């Protein structure tokens, strides 16, 4: 489960690294996904989620993580943005990486 201090820092515009547990047939492995938080939904309720977006091999990938998922091992905040004025950053899907860094003020 994710620590409460980290949960409060998972805000739209923050860059995070999510380490998750994956089960494939009989094997179990860990995977890391680094990206920008686009949205946070439903606060701290039972079905609360956050959406992370990254570009992998030239293709945009978005993952939606439930906050209370037992498969999430850890969440690490890389940097948080200062300039975000919206709660949902879906417009970043159509903007280049350079332009998105300028808009939300993330140095990465």
C-alpha atoms as a PDB file:
ATOM      1  CA  UNK A   1       0.000   0.000   0.000  1.00  0.00           C
ATOM      2  CA  UNK A   2       1.176   3.525  -0.757  1.00  0.00           C
ATOM      3  CA  UNK A   3       2.208   5.786   2.125  1.00  0.00           C
ATOM      4  CA  UNK A   4      -0.188   8.674   2.913  1.00  0.00           C
ATOM      5  CA  UNK A   5       2.553  11.318   2.525  1.00  0.00           C
ATOM      6  CA  UNK A   6       3.277  10.107  -0.994  1.00  0.00           C
ATOM      7  CA  UNK A   7      -0.442   9.875  -1.841  1.00  0.00           C
ATOM      8  CA  UNK A   8      -0.831  13.590  -1.139  1.00  0.00           C
ATOM      9  CA  UNK A   9       2.068  14.386  -3.507  1.00  0.00           C
ATOM     10  CA  UNK A  10       0.585  12.409  -6.412  1.00  0.00           C
ATOM     11  CA  UNK A  11      -0.934  15.394  -8.192  1.00  0.00           C
ATOM     12  CA  UNK A  12      -1.425  16.167 -11.902  1.00  0.00           C
ATOM     13  CA  UNK A  13       1.840  17.294 -13.455  1.00  0.00           C
ATOM     14  CA  UNK A  14       4.106  15.349 -11.083  1.00  0.00           C
ATOM     15  CA  UNK A  15       6.650  12.951 -12.529  1.00  0.00           C
ATOM     16  CA  UNK A  16       6.581   9.609 -10.736  1.00  0.00           C
ATOM     17  CA  UNK A  17       8.034   6.111 -10.929  1.00  0.00           C
ATOM     18  CA  UNK A  18       5.596   3.304 -10.109  1.00  0.00           C
ATOM     19  CA  UNK A  19       7.032  -0.116  -9.253  1.00  0.00           C
ATOM     20  CA  UNK A  20       4.450  -2.823  -9.710  1.00  0.00           C
ATOM     21  CA  UNK A  21       4.299  -6.583  -9.276  1.00  0.00           C
ATOM     22  CA  UNK A  22       3.428  -8.569 -12.417  1.00  0.00           C
ATOM     23  CA  UNK A  23       2.393 -12.215 -12.437  1.00  0.00           C
ATOM     24  CA  UNK A  24       2.944 -14.172 -15.630  1.00  0.00           C
ATOM     25  CA  UNK A  25       1.858 -17.824 -15.472  1.00  0.00           C
ATOM     26  CA  UNK A  26       4.082 -19.198 -12.718  1.00  0.00           C
ATOM     27  CA  UNK A  27       6.638 -16.381 -12.568  1.00  0.00           C
ATOM     28  CA  UNK A  28       6.432 -13.119 -10.697  1.00  0.00           C
ATOM     29  CA  UNK A  29       8.492 -10.067 -11.596  1.00  0.00           C
ATOM     30  CA  UNK A  30       8.699  -6.339 -10.924  1.00  0.00           C
ATOM     31  CA  UNK A  31       8.241  -3.604 -13.490  1.00  0.00           C
ATOM     32  CA  UNK A  32       8.846   0.141 -13.294  1.00  0.00           C
ATOM     33  CA  UNK A  33       6.803   2.729 -15.168  1.00  0.00           C
ATOM     34  CA  UNK A  34       8.005   6.343 -15.202  1.00  0.00           C
ATOM     35  CA  UNK A  35       5.775   9.133 -16.431  1.00  0.00           C
ATOM     36  CA  UNK A  36       3.685  12.227 -15.775  1.00  0.00           C
ATOM     37  CA  UNK A  37       0.491  12.075 -13.748  1.00  0.00           C
ATOM     38  CA  UNK A  38      -2.376  13.221 -15.975  1.00  0.00           C
ATOM     39  CA  UNK A  39      -5.267  12.802 -13.563  1.00  0.00           C
ATOM     40  CA  UNK A  40      -6.217  11.819 -10.059  1.00  0.00           C
ATOM     41  CA  UNK A  41      -9.793  10.641  -9.532  1.00  0.00           C
ATOM     42  CA  UNK A  42     -12.051  10.007  -6.536  1.00  0.00           C
ATOM     43  CA  UNK A  43      -9.734  11.368  -3.842  1.00  0.00           C
ATOM     44  CA  UNK A  44      -9.034   8.763  -1.151  1.00  0.00           C
ATOM     45  CA  UNK A  45     -12.165   6.649  -1.696  1.00  0.00           C
ATOM     46  CA  UNK A  46     -12.148   2.902  -2.230  1.00  0.00           C
ATOM     47  CA  UNK A  47     -12.054   3.148  -6.043  1.00  0.00           C
ATOM     48  CA  UNK A  48      -9.570   6.026  -6.263  1.00  0.00           C
ATOM     49  CA  UNK A  49      -7.138   5.973  -9.214  1.00  0.00           C
ATOM     50  CA  UNK A  50      -4.362   7.970 -10.831  1.00  0.00           C
ATOM     51  CA  UNK A  51      -3.375   7.994 -14.508  1.00  0.00           C
ATOM     52  CA  UNK A  52       0.279   8.018 -15.589  1.00  0.00           C
ATOM     53  CA  UNK A  53       1.432   8.742 -19.152  1.00  0.00           C
ATOM     54  CA  UNK A  54       4.773   8.054 -20.781  1.00  0.00           C
ATOM     55  CA  UNK A  55       6.149   7.727 -24.299  1.00  0.00           C
ATOM     56  CA  UNK A  56       7.714   4.290 -24.881  1.00  0.00           C
ATOM     57  CA  UNK A  57       9.462   3.651 -28.232  1.00  0.00           C
ATOM     58  CA  UNK A  58       7.629   6.561 -29.834  1.00  0.00           C
ATOM     59  CA  UNK A  59       4.185   5.386 -28.715  1.00  0.00           C
ATOM     60  CA  UNK A  60       2.206   7.094 -25.949  1.00  0.00           C
ATOM     61  CA  UNK A  61       1.308   4.690 -23.141  1.00  0.00           C
ATOM     62  CA  UNK A  62      -1.104   5.441 -20.307  1.00  0.00           C
ATOM     63  CA  UNK A  63      -1.654   3.281 -17.261  1.00  0.00           C
ATOM     64  CA  UNK A  64      -4.402   3.697 -14.704  1.00  0.00           C
ATOM     65  CA  UNK A  65      -3.430   2.554 -11.220  1.00  0.00           C
ATOM     66  CA  UNK A  66      -5.850   1.970  -8.351  1.00  0.00           C
ATOM     67  CA  UNK A  67      -4.454   3.636  -5.228  1.00  0.00           C
ATOM     68  CA  UNK A  68      -5.206   0.682  -2.947  1.00  0.00           C
ATOM     69  CA  UNK A  69      -3.905  -2.022  -5.299  1.00  0.00           C
ATOM     70  CA  UNK A  70      -1.799  -4.719  -3.611  1.00  0.00           C
ATOM     71  CA  UNK A  71       0.229  -5.034  -6.844  1.00  0.00           C
ATOM     72  CA  UNK A  72       1.824  -1.590  -6.390  1.00  0.00           C
ATOM     73  CA  UNK A  73       5.086  -2.078  -4.525  1.00  0.00           C
ATOM     74  CA  UNK A  74       6.207   1.544  -4.350  1.00  0.00           C
ATOM     75  CA  UNK A  75       5.664   5.001  -5.801  1.00  0.00           C
ATOM     76  CA  UNK A  76       8.548   7.450  -5.991  1.00  0.00           C
ATOM     77  CA  UNK A  77       8.053  11.151  -6.741  1.00  0.00           C
ATOM     78  CA  UNK A  78      10.771  12.329  -9.149  1.00  0.00           C
ATOM     79  CA  UNK A  79       9.614  15.934  -9.436  1.00  0.00           C
ATOM     80  CA  UNK A  80       6.461  17.920  -8.918  1.00  0.00           C
ATOM     81  CA  UNK A  81       5.198  20.728 -11.067  1.00  0.00           C
ATOM     82  CA  UNK A  82       4.587  24.277  -9.895  1.00  0.00           C
ATOM     83  CA  UNK A  83       2.498  25.745 -12.724  1.00  0.00           C
ATOM     84  CA  UNK A  84      -0.423  23.334 -13.185  1.00  0.00           C
ATOM     85  CA  UNK A  85      -3.800  25.068 -13.090  1.00  0.00           C
ATOM     86  CA  UNK A  86      -5.982  22.155 -14.148  1.00  0.00           C
ATOM     87  CA  UNK A  87      -7.017  18.982 -12.392  1.00  0.00           C
ATOM     88  CA  UNK A  88      -6.932  16.848 -15.552  1.00  0.00           C
ATOM     89  CA  UNK A  89      -4.048  17.248 -18.018  1.00  0.00           C
ATOM     90  CA  UNK A  90      -5.526  15.307 -20.934  1.00  0.00           C
ATOM     91  CA  UNK A  91      -4.419  18.015 -23.371  1.00  0.00           C
ATOM     92  CA  UNK A  92      -0.827  16.719 -22.998  1.00  0.00           C
ATOM     93  CA  UNK A  93      -1.771  13.792 -25.251  1.00  0.00           C
ATOM     94  CA  UNK A  94      -1.731  16.109 -28.277  1.00  0.00           C
ATOM     95  CA  UNK A  95       1.310  18.203 -27.325  1.00  0.00           C
ATOM     96  CA  UNK A  96       4.986  17.467 -27.958  1.00  0.00           C
ATOM     97  CA  UNK A  97       7.291  16.650 -25.052  1.00  0.00           C
ATOM     98  CA  UNK A  98       9.097  19.974 -25.273  1.00  0.00           C
ATOM     99  CA  UNK A  99       5.839  21.925 -25.311  1.00  0.00           C
ATOM    100  CA  UNK A 100       4.433  19.954 -22.369  1.00  0.00           C
ATOM    101  CA  UNK A 101       7.526  20.693 -20.267  1.00  0.00           C
ATOM    102  CA  UNK A 102       7.087  24.391 -20.995  1.00  0.00           C
ATOM    103  CA  UNK A 103       3.390  24.321 -20.126  1.00  0.00           C
ATOM    104  CA  UNK A 104       3.569  22.479 -16.814  1.00  0.00           C
ATOM    105  CA  UNK A 105       7.045  23.550 -15.726  1.00  0.00           C
ATOM    106  CA  UNK A 106       8.614  20.121 -15.169  1.00  0.00           C
ATOM    107  CA  UNK A 107      12.381  19.968 -15.542  1.00  0.00           C
ATOM    108  CA  UNK A 108      12.900  16.544 -17.091  1.00  0.00           C
END
